[in-house]
């Protein structure tokens, strides 16, 4: 089946409960495959046939539902991110209303009340309770939070979005899952596009890595050297920040798998980051 937001989940969980094998595929993979077929008219029937042929021809991975604790953590982290976005939007609206030449006091008060209703502490409390209920996860959280610039909330989001790295086999797969893998197109001597990150992955995972990357550059000499080396070569700071994001994500996976705390003097085997455009 295609991954359609949350609308495919009920069917997937039901089929899994009656011991059926389920494979969930990104919609763009199905649509790209359908373009290779001799289909001139797209209908529900022809689309279903294309999906059936795709499933028969390809060796697909069998889907496994995430553990309940990771599913609950992911839902809470995404809810918090949505509330942060709403609060920022309301604060911008409040600022615009206050500085307007025709400012309305009643509108300002209503906006203030809406901002006051957004309670992030409640969600943080629920997240803390969930983690404390699992002794193994408590220790794992301490391990992945030992990376420079890494807060507990960032660590929780990474773990929740990857289901505790349940289906991640290696670092390359993790980088691809986050959409930080490099995409390049070359053909002969005439076609040569700049390498870019694909961004075909978990958007929430990419987003949560931004500020930890900035903090790591400020607090850890190793990451600062990498940042300065890339900037001195190209003069593009964002390119260097993306490189740090990728390295931090890989490092999180390494520490999780090895059950070891971060050591600034240890040489970690991290995939070299290709020079990419954004």
C-alpha atoms as a PDB file:
ATOM      1  CA  UNK A   1       0.000   0.000   0.000  1.00  0.00           C
ATOM      2  CA  UNK A   2       0.963   3.631  -0.421  1.00  0.00           C
ATOM      3  CA  UNK A   3       1.905   5.744   2.572  1.00  0.00           C
ATOM      4  CA  UNK A   4      -0.868   8.342   2.710  1.00  0.00           C
ATOM      5  CA  UNK A   5      -0.168  10.408   5.804  1.00  0.00           C
ATOM      6  CA  UNK A   6      -2.044   8.633   8.594  1.00  0.00           C
ATOM      7  CA  UNK A   7      -4.913   7.356   6.466  1.00  0.00           C
ATOM      8  CA  UNK A   8      -3.261   4.047   5.606  1.00  0.00           C
ATOM      9  CA  UNK A   9      -2.374   3.177   9.199  1.00  0.00           C
ATOM     10  CA  UNK A  10      -5.701   1.673  10.279  1.00  0.00           C
ATOM     11  CA  UNK A  11      -5.669  -0.811   7.407  1.00  0.00           C
ATOM     12  CA  UNK A  12      -1.981  -1.600   7.958  1.00  0.00           C
ATOM     13  CA  UNK A  13      -2.500  -2.322  11.664  1.00  0.00           C
ATOM     14  CA  UNK A  14      -5.579  -4.429  10.918  1.00  0.00           C
ATOM     15  CA  UNK A  15      -3.795  -6.540   8.314  1.00  0.00           C
ATOM     16  CA  UNK A  16      -0.866  -7.003  10.681  1.00  0.00           C
ATOM     17  CA  UNK A  17      -3.234  -8.089  13.466  1.00  0.00           C
ATOM     18  CA  UNK A  18      -4.576 -10.919  11.289  1.00  0.00           C
ATOM     19  CA  UNK A  19      -1.012 -11.954  10.390  1.00  0.00           C
ATOM     20  CA  UNK A  20      -0.885 -10.632   6.833  1.00  0.00           C
ATOM     21  CA  UNK A  21       2.378  -9.366   5.357  1.00  0.00           C
ATOM     22  CA  UNK A  22       2.231  -5.638   4.681  1.00  0.00           C
ATOM     23  CA  UNK A  23       4.599  -3.439   2.672  1.00  0.00           C
ATOM     24  CA  UNK A  24       4.207   0.341   2.804  1.00  0.00           C
ATOM     25  CA  UNK A  25       5.763   2.243  -0.108  1.00  0.00           C
ATOM     26  CA  UNK A  26       6.245   5.954  -0.725  1.00  0.00           C
ATOM     27  CA  UNK A  27       3.703   7.241  -3.299  1.00  0.00           C
ATOM     28  CA  UNK A  28       6.396   8.714  -5.575  1.00  0.00           C
ATOM     29  CA  UNK A  29       7.900   5.249  -6.068  1.00  0.00           C
ATOM     30  CA  UNK A  30       4.547   3.890  -7.248  1.00  0.00           C
ATOM     31  CA  UNK A  31       3.888   6.848  -9.546  1.00  0.00           C
ATOM     32  CA  UNK A  32       7.372   6.657 -11.081  1.00  0.00           C
ATOM     33  CA  UNK A  33       6.911   2.931 -11.663  1.00  0.00           C
ATOM     34  CA  UNK A  34       3.485   3.507 -13.262  1.00  0.00           C
ATOM     35  CA  UNK A  35       5.073   5.891 -15.782  1.00  0.00           C
ATOM     36  CA  UNK A  36       7.144   2.989 -17.145  1.00  0.00           C
ATOM     37  CA  UNK A  37       3.992   1.019 -17.972  1.00  0.00           C
ATOM     38  CA  UNK A  38       1.914   1.381 -21.090  1.00  0.00           C
ATOM     39  CA  UNK A  39      -0.969   3.113 -19.309  1.00  0.00           C
ATOM     40  CA  UNK A  40      -2.615   5.992 -21.133  1.00  0.00           C
ATOM     41  CA  UNK A  41      -5.617   6.567 -18.867  1.00  0.00           C
ATOM     42  CA  UNK A  42      -5.219   6.799 -15.102  1.00  0.00           C
ATOM     43  CA  UNK A  43      -8.175   5.440 -13.149  1.00  0.00           C
ATOM     44  CA  UNK A  44      -8.570   3.775  -9.769  1.00  0.00           C
ATOM     45  CA  UNK A  45      -8.526   0.412 -11.507  1.00  0.00           C
ATOM     46  CA  UNK A  46      -5.364   1.067 -13.536  1.00  0.00           C
ATOM     47  CA  UNK A  47      -3.616   2.571 -10.477  1.00  0.00           C
ATOM     48  CA  UNK A  48      -4.495  -0.533  -8.436  1.00  0.00           C
ATOM     49  CA  UNK A  49      -3.152  -2.765 -11.196  1.00  0.00           C
ATOM     50  CA  UNK A  50       0.101  -0.782 -11.265  1.00  0.00           C
ATOM     51  CA  UNK A  51       0.481  -1.178  -7.499  1.00  0.00           C
ATOM     52  CA  UNK A  52      -0.185  -4.916  -7.754  1.00  0.00           C
ATOM     53  CA  UNK A  53       2.447  -5.315 -10.488  1.00  0.00           C
ATOM     54  CA  UNK A  54       4.914  -3.259  -8.458  1.00  0.00           C
ATOM     55  CA  UNK A  55       4.406  -5.558  -5.476  1.00  0.00           C
ATOM     56  CA  UNK A  56       4.863  -8.683  -7.599  1.00  0.00           C
ATOM     57  CA  UNK A  57       7.987  -7.504  -9.385  1.00  0.00           C
ATOM     58  CA  UNK A  58       9.896  -5.916  -6.493  1.00  0.00           C
ATOM     59  CA  UNK A  59      11.377  -7.425  -3.371  1.00  0.00           C
ATOM     60  CA  UNK A  60       9.709  -5.240  -0.754  1.00  0.00           C
ATOM     61  CA  UNK A  61      10.477  -5.030   2.936  1.00  0.00           C
ATOM     62  CA  UNK A  62       7.779  -6.292   5.261  1.00  0.00           C
ATOM     63  CA  UNK A  63       6.346  -3.547   7.455  1.00  0.00           C
ATOM     64  CA  UNK A  64       6.497  -3.895  11.214  1.00  0.00           C
ATOM     65  CA  UNK A  65       4.447  -1.591  13.462  1.00  0.00           C
ATOM     66  CA  UNK A  66       6.525   0.539  15.824  1.00  0.00           C
ATOM     67  CA  UNK A  67       6.525  -0.170  19.537  1.00  0.00           C
ATOM     68  CA  UNK A  68       3.753   1.703  21.321  1.00  0.00           C
ATOM     69  CA  UNK A  69       6.177   3.886  23.299  1.00  0.00           C
ATOM     70  CA  UNK A  70       7.897   5.131  20.131  1.00  0.00           C
ATOM     71  CA  UNK A  71       4.558   5.729  18.438  1.00  0.00           C
ATOM     72  CA  UNK A  72       3.313   7.746  21.435  1.00  0.00           C
ATOM     73  CA  UNK A  73       6.560   9.733  21.631  1.00  0.00           C
ATOM     74  CA  UNK A  74       6.406  10.554  17.934  1.00  0.00           C
ATOM     75  CA  UNK A  75       2.834  11.782  18.255  1.00  0.00           C
ATOM     76  CA  UNK A  76       3.710  13.980  21.238  1.00  0.00           C
ATOM     77  CA  UNK A  77       6.829  15.421  19.560  1.00  0.00           C
ATOM     78  CA  UNK A  78       4.904  16.270  16.406  1.00  0.00           C
ATOM     79  CA  UNK A  79       2.086  17.817  18.438  1.00  0.00           C
ATOM     80  CA  UNK A  80       4.600  19.975  20.281  1.00  0.00           C
ATOM     81  CA  UNK A  81       6.214  21.083  17.011  1.00  0.00           C
ATOM     82  CA  UNK A  82       2.809  22.060  15.660  1.00  0.00           C
ATOM     83  CA  UNK A  83       2.041  24.080  18.798  1.00  0.00           C
ATOM     84  CA  UNK A  84       5.405  25.855  18.589  1.00  0.00           C
ATOM     85  CA  UNK A  85       4.593  26.768  14.979  1.00  0.00           C
ATOM     86  CA  UNK A  86       1.151  28.074  15.976  1.00  0.00           C
ATOM     87  CA  UNK A  87       2.597  30.100  18.859  1.00  0.00           C
ATOM     88  CA  UNK A  88       5.195  31.703  16.588  1.00  0.00           C
ATOM     89  CA  UNK A  89       2.510  32.589  14.058  1.00  0.00           C
ATOM     90  CA  UNK A  90       0.328  34.140  16.775  1.00  0.00           C
ATOM     91  CA  UNK A  91       3.253  36.148  18.200  1.00  0.00           C
ATOM     92  CA  UNK A  92       3.993  37.536  14.738  1.00  0.00           C
ATOM     93  CA  UNK A  93       0.335  38.385  14.340  1.00  0.00           C
ATOM     94  CA  UNK A  94       0.340  40.107  17.755  1.00  0.00           C
ATOM     95  CA  UNK A  95       3.395  42.165  16.844  1.00  0.00           C
ATOM     96  CA  UNK A  96       1.809  43.239  13.557  1.00  0.00           C
ATOM     97  CA  UNK A  97      -1.442  44.163  15.321  1.00  0.00           C
ATOM     98  CA  UNK A  98       0.338  46.226  17.967  1.00  0.00           C
ATOM     99  CA  UNK A  99       2.388  48.204  15.447  1.00  0.00           C
ATOM    100  CA  UNK A 100      -0.520  48.802  13.094  1.00  0.00           C
ATOM    101  CA  UNK A 101      -1.736  52.371  12.689  1.00  0.00           C
ATOM    102  CA  UNK A 102      -5.288  51.130  13.291  1.00  0.00           C
ATOM    103  CA  UNK A 103      -4.540  48.697  16.098  1.00  0.00           C
ATOM    104  CA  UNK A 104      -7.549  47.113  17.799  1.00  0.00           C
ATOM    105  CA  UNK A 105      -7.243  46.543  21.535  1.00  0.00           C
ATOM    106  CA  UNK A 106      -9.818  43.756  21.491  1.00  0.00           C
ATOM    107  CA  UNK A 107      -7.916  41.918  18.736  1.00  0.00           C
ATOM    108  CA  UNK A 108      -4.675  42.269  20.692  1.00  0.00           C
ATOM    109  CA  UNK A 109      -6.317  40.824  23.815  1.00  0.00           C
ATOM    110  CA  UNK A 110      -7.820  37.882  21.913  1.00  0.00           C
ATOM    111  CA  UNK A 111      -4.455  37.071  20.371  1.00  0.00           C
ATOM    112  CA  UNK A 112      -2.806  37.217  23.805  1.00  0.00           C
ATOM    113  CA  UNK A 113      -5.423  34.814  25.170  1.00  0.00           C
ATOM    114  CA  UNK A 114      -4.831  32.387  22.306  1.00  0.00           C
ATOM    115  CA  UNK A 115      -1.091  32.443  22.983  1.00  0.00           C
ATOM    116  CA  UNK A 116      -1.696  31.813  26.680  1.00  0.00           C
ATOM    117  CA  UNK A 117      -3.763  28.715  25.857  1.00  0.00           C
ATOM    118  CA  UNK A 118      -0.790  27.009  24.191  1.00  0.00           C
ATOM    119  CA  UNK A 119       0.755  24.885  26.938  1.00  0.00           C
ATOM    120  CA  UNK A 120       4.020  23.183  25.982  1.00  0.00           C
ATOM    121  CA  UNK A 121       4.863  22.121  29.537  1.00  0.00           C
ATOM    122  CA  UNK A 122       2.032  19.587  29.581  1.00  0.00           C
ATOM    123  CA  UNK A 123       3.443  17.798  26.532  1.00  0.00           C
ATOM    124  CA  UNK A 124       6.962  17.849  27.961  1.00  0.00           C
ATOM    125  CA  UNK A 125       5.575  16.282  31.129  1.00  0.00           C
ATOM    126  CA  UNK A 126       3.876  13.473  29.190  1.00  0.00           C
ATOM    127  CA  UNK A 127       7.097  12.791  27.289  1.00  0.00           C
ATOM    128  CA  UNK A 128       9.070  12.615  30.541  1.00  0.00           C
ATOM    129  CA  UNK A 129       6.561  10.186  32.076  1.00  0.00           C
ATOM    130  CA  UNK A 130       6.729   7.881  29.039  1.00  0.00           C
ATOM    131  CA  UNK A 131      10.525   7.760  29.107  1.00  0.00           C
ATOM    132  CA  UNK A 132      10.747   7.198  32.866  1.00  0.00           C
ATOM    133  CA  UNK A 133       8.481   4.192  32.472  1.00  0.00           C
ATOM    134  CA  UNK A 134      11.149   2.367  30.415  1.00  0.00           C
ATOM    135  CA  UNK A 135      14.451   1.798  32.240  1.00  0.00           C
ATOM    136  CA  UNK A 136      16.314   0.813  29.065  1.00  0.00           C
ATOM    137  CA  UNK A 137      15.129   3.916  27.238  1.00  0.00           C
ATOM    138  CA  UNK A 138      16.216   6.133  30.138  1.00  0.00           C
ATOM    139  CA  UNK A 139      19.801   4.914  29.756  1.00  0.00           C
ATOM    140  CA  UNK A 140      19.648   5.181  25.964  1.00  0.00           C
ATOM    141  CA  UNK A 141      18.444   8.764  26.276  1.00  0.00           C
ATOM    142  CA  UNK A 142      21.449   9.632  28.426  1.00  0.00           C
ATOM    143  CA  UNK A 143      23.745   8.130  25.769  1.00  0.00           C
ATOM    144  CA  UNK A 144      22.357  10.015  22.760  1.00  0.00           C
ATOM    145  CA  UNK A 145      22.070  13.230  24.797  1.00  0.00           C
ATOM    146  CA  UNK A 146      25.812  13.144  25.529  1.00  0.00           C
ATOM    147  CA  UNK A 147      26.579  14.569  22.062  1.00  0.00           C
ATOM    148  CA  UNK A 148      27.563  18.287  22.152  1.00  0.00           C
ATOM    149  CA  UNK A 149      24.636  20.639  21.650  1.00  0.00           C
ATOM    150  CA  UNK A 150      22.111  17.830  21.988  1.00  0.00           C
ATOM    151  CA  UNK A 151      19.154  18.439  24.295  1.00  0.00           C
ATOM    152  CA  UNK A 152      16.755  15.831  25.611  1.00  0.00           C
ATOM    153  CA  UNK A 153      13.919  16.998  23.364  1.00  0.00           C
ATOM    154  CA  UNK A 154      16.061  16.636  20.244  1.00  0.00           C
ATOM    155  CA  UNK A 155      17.160  13.154  21.329  1.00  0.00           C
ATOM    156  CA  UNK A 156      13.544  12.125  21.949  1.00  0.00           C
ATOM    157  CA  UNK A 157      12.481  13.367  18.515  1.00  0.00           C
ATOM    158  CA  UNK A 158      15.258  11.446  16.748  1.00  0.00           C
ATOM    159  CA  UNK A 159      14.422   8.250  18.619  1.00  0.00           C
ATOM    160  CA  UNK A 160      10.677   8.674  18.027  1.00  0.00           C
ATOM    161  CA  UNK A 161      10.977   9.444  14.298  1.00  0.00           C
ATOM    162  CA  UNK A 162      13.230   6.402  13.745  1.00  0.00           C
ATOM    163  CA  UNK A 163      11.279   4.070  16.060  1.00  0.00           C
ATOM    164  CA  UNK A 164      14.406   3.569  18.116  1.00  0.00           C
ATOM    165  CA  UNK A 165      16.373   2.794  14.925  1.00  0.00           C
ATOM    166  CA  UNK A 166      14.308  -0.410  14.752  1.00  0.00           C
ATOM    167  CA  UNK A 167      14.500  -0.841  10.979  1.00  0.00           C
ATOM    168  CA  UNK A 168      17.746   1.047  10.373  1.00  0.00           C
ATOM    169  CA  UNK A 169      20.470  -1.373   9.266  1.00  0.00           C
ATOM    170  CA  UNK A 170      23.329   1.063   8.655  1.00  0.00           C
ATOM    171  CA  UNK A 171      24.290   4.730   8.567  1.00  0.00           C
ATOM    172  CA  UNK A 172      23.654   5.141   4.842  1.00  0.00           C
ATOM    173  CA  UNK A 173      20.094   3.948   5.240  1.00  0.00           C
ATOM    174  CA  UNK A 174      19.584   6.405   8.096  1.00  0.00           C
ATOM    175  CA  UNK A 175      20.935   9.316   6.046  1.00  0.00           C
ATOM    176  CA  UNK A 176      18.626   8.378   3.171  1.00  0.00           C
ATOM    177  CA  UNK A 177      15.653   8.079   5.535  1.00  0.00           C
ATOM    178  CA  UNK A 178      16.300  11.632   6.725  1.00  0.00           C
ATOM    179  CA  UNK A 179      16.606  12.974   3.154  1.00  0.00           C
ATOM    180  CA  UNK A 180      20.207  14.061   3.739  1.00  0.00           C
ATOM    181  CA  UNK A 181      21.596  11.712   1.093  1.00  0.00           C
ATOM    182  CA  UNK A 182      23.241  13.164  -2.014  1.00  0.00           C
ATOM    183  CA  UNK A 183      21.465  13.198  -5.370  1.00  0.00           C
ATOM    184  CA  UNK A 184      23.515  13.744  -8.516  1.00  0.00           C
ATOM    185  CA  UNK A 185      22.752  13.476 -12.238  1.00  0.00           C
ATOM    186  CA  UNK A 186      25.492  13.144 -14.846  1.00  0.00           C
ATOM    187  CA  UNK A 187      25.406  11.910 -18.425  1.00  0.00           C
ATOM    188  CA  UNK A 188      28.336  12.165 -20.796  1.00  0.00           C
ATOM    189  CA  UNK A 189      29.937  15.592 -20.965  1.00  0.00           C
ATOM    190  CA  UNK A 190      26.821  17.732 -21.455  1.00  0.00           C
ATOM    191  CA  UNK A 191      24.685  16.783 -18.436  1.00  0.00           C
ATOM    192  CA  UNK A 192      26.265  17.364 -15.064  1.00  0.00           C
ATOM    193  CA  UNK A 193      24.083  18.775 -12.309  1.00  0.00           C
ATOM    194  CA  UNK A 194      25.361  19.930  -8.953  1.00  0.00           C
ATOM    195  CA  UNK A 195      25.096  17.360  -6.186  1.00  0.00           C
ATOM    196  CA  UNK A 196      22.220  18.184  -3.850  1.00  0.00           C
ATOM    197  CA  UNK A 197      20.644  16.597  -0.820  1.00  0.00           C
ATOM    198  CA  UNK A 198      17.551  14.699  -1.916  1.00  0.00           C
ATOM    199  CA  UNK A 199      15.171  15.940   0.840  1.00  0.00           C
ATOM    200  CA  UNK A 200      13.171  12.800   0.070  1.00  0.00           C
ATOM    201  CA  UNK A 201      12.869  11.630   3.598  1.00  0.00           C
ATOM    202  CA  UNK A 202      11.594  12.398   7.044  1.00  0.00           C
ATOM    203  CA  UNK A 203      11.112  16.176   7.160  1.00  0.00           C
ATOM    204  CA  UNK A 204      10.740  16.222  10.945  1.00  0.00           C
ATOM    205  CA  UNK A 205      14.078  14.477  11.352  1.00  0.00           C
ATOM    206  CA  UNK A 206      15.889  17.004   9.128  1.00  0.00           C
ATOM    207  CA  UNK A 207      14.278  19.940  10.871  1.00  0.00           C
ATOM    208  CA  UNK A 208      15.190  18.824  14.382  1.00  0.00           C
ATOM    209  CA  UNK A 209      18.888  18.498  13.441  1.00  0.00           C
ATOM    210  CA  UNK A 210      19.347  22.179  12.547  1.00  0.00           C
ATOM    211  CA  UNK A 211      19.804  23.839  15.945  1.00  0.00           C
ATOM    212  CA  UNK A 212      21.861  20.958  17.425  1.00  0.00           C
ATOM    213  CA  UNK A 213      24.236  21.394  14.485  1.00  0.00           C
ATOM    214  CA  UNK A 214      24.663  25.095  15.316  1.00  0.00           C
ATOM    215  CA  UNK A 215      25.236  24.268  18.979  1.00  0.00           C
ATOM    216  CA  UNK A 216      27.792  21.561  18.118  1.00  0.00           C
ATOM    217  CA  UNK A 217      29.748  24.035  15.989  1.00  0.00           C
ATOM    218  CA  UNK A 218      29.914  26.431  18.942  1.00  0.00           C
ATOM    219  CA  UNK A 219      30.780  23.898  21.659  1.00  0.00           C
ATOM    220  CA  UNK A 220      32.833  21.107  20.063  1.00  0.00           C
ATOM    221  CA  UNK A 221      36.199  21.664  18.434  1.00  0.00           C
ATOM    222  CA  UNK A 222      35.839  18.690  16.081  1.00  0.00           C
ATOM    223  CA  UNK A 223      32.611  19.943  14.522  1.00  0.00           C
ATOM    224  CA  UNK A 224      33.916  23.512  14.464  1.00  0.00           C
ATOM    225  CA  UNK A 225      36.943  22.393  12.433  1.00  0.00           C
ATOM    226  CA  UNK A 226      34.708  20.588   9.936  1.00  0.00           C
ATOM    227  CA  UNK A 227      32.495  23.663   9.630  1.00  0.00           C
ATOM    228  CA  UNK A 228      35.418  26.037   9.088  1.00  0.00           C
ATOM    229  CA  UNK A 229      37.069  23.733   6.555  1.00  0.00           C
ATOM    230  CA  UNK A 230      33.942  23.553   4.388  1.00  0.00           C
ATOM    231  CA  UNK A 231      33.228  27.283   4.671  1.00  0.00           C
ATOM    232  CA  UNK A 232      36.806  28.189   3.776  1.00  0.00           C
ATOM    233  CA  UNK A 233      36.536  26.005   0.678  1.00  0.00           C
ATOM    234  CA  UNK A 234      33.191  27.267  -0.620  1.00  0.00           C
ATOM    235  CA  UNK A 235      32.169  30.234   1.507  1.00  0.00           C
ATOM    236  CA  UNK A 236      28.668  28.800   1.977  1.00  0.00           C
ATOM    237  CA  UNK A 237      27.791  28.420   5.647  1.00  0.00           C
ATOM    238  CA  UNK A 238      24.535  26.534   5.106  1.00  0.00           C
ATOM    239  CA  UNK A 239      26.350  23.818   3.162  1.00  0.00           C
ATOM    240  CA  UNK A 240      28.679  23.314   6.129  1.00  0.00           C
ATOM    241  CA  UNK A 241      25.749  23.260   8.581  1.00  0.00           C
ATOM    242  CA  UNK A 242      24.026  20.517   6.566  1.00  0.00           C
ATOM    243  CA  UNK A 243      27.246  18.513   6.686  1.00  0.00           C
ATOM    244  CA  UNK A 244      27.263  18.803  10.490  1.00  0.00           C
ATOM    245  CA  UNK A 245      23.603  17.748  10.628  1.00  0.00           C
ATOM    246  CA  UNK A 246      24.404  14.584   8.747  1.00  0.00           C
ATOM    247  CA  UNK A 247      27.425  13.777  10.896  1.00  0.00           C
ATOM    248  CA  UNK A 248      25.457  14.316  14.116  1.00  0.00           C
ATOM    249  CA  UNK A 249      22.695  12.012  12.913  1.00  0.00           C
ATOM    250  CA  UNK A 250      25.175   9.277  12.030  1.00  0.00           C
ATOM    251  CA  UNK A 251      26.916   9.747  15.362  1.00  0.00           C
ATOM    252  CA  UNK A 252      23.601   9.340  17.193  1.00  0.00           C
ATOM    253  CA  UNK A 253      23.089   5.981  15.468  1.00  0.00           C
ATOM    254  CA  UNK A 254      26.635   4.835  16.307  1.00  0.00           C
ATOM    255  CA  UNK A 255      26.266   5.647  20.009  1.00  0.00           C
ATOM    256  CA  UNK A 256      22.817   4.036  20.156  1.00  0.00           C
ATOM    257  CA  UNK A 257      24.063   0.807  18.580  1.00  0.00           C
ATOM    258  CA  UNK A 258      27.259   0.613  20.648  1.00  0.00           C
ATOM    259  CA  UNK A 259      25.722   1.725  23.953  1.00  0.00           C
ATOM    260  CA  UNK A 260      28.609   4.141  24.421  1.00  0.00           C
ATOM    261  CA  UNK A 261      28.726   7.778  25.525  1.00  0.00           C
ATOM    262  CA  UNK A 262      30.209  10.460  23.293  1.00  0.00           C
ATOM    263  CA  UNK A 263      33.959  10.963  23.645  1.00  0.00           C
ATOM    264  CA  UNK A 264      35.433  13.991  21.896  1.00  0.00           C
ATOM    265  CA  UNK A 265      38.831  12.252  21.647  1.00  0.00           C
ATOM    266  CA  UNK A 266      37.482   9.099  19.983  1.00  0.00           C
ATOM    267  CA  UNK A 267      37.582   8.718  16.190  1.00  0.00           C
ATOM    268  CA  UNK A 268      34.134   7.694  14.998  1.00  0.00           C
ATOM    269  CA  UNK A 269      33.708   6.046  11.610  1.00  0.00           C
ATOM    270  CA  UNK A 270      31.399   8.490   9.871  1.00  0.00           C
ATOM    271  CA  UNK A 271      30.558   8.507   6.171  1.00  0.00           C
ATOM    272  CA  UNK A 272      32.477  11.293   4.352  1.00  0.00           C
ATOM    273  CA  UNK A 273      30.069  14.044   3.357  1.00  0.00           C
ATOM    274  CA  UNK A 274      30.138  14.911  -0.341  1.00  0.00           C
ATOM    275  CA  UNK A 275      30.093  18.529  -1.376  1.00  0.00           C
ATOM    276  CA  UNK A 276      26.480  19.337  -2.117  1.00  0.00           C
ATOM    277  CA  UNK A 277      24.230  22.250  -2.940  1.00  0.00           C
ATOM    278  CA  UNK A 278      21.058  22.912  -0.998  1.00  0.00           C
END
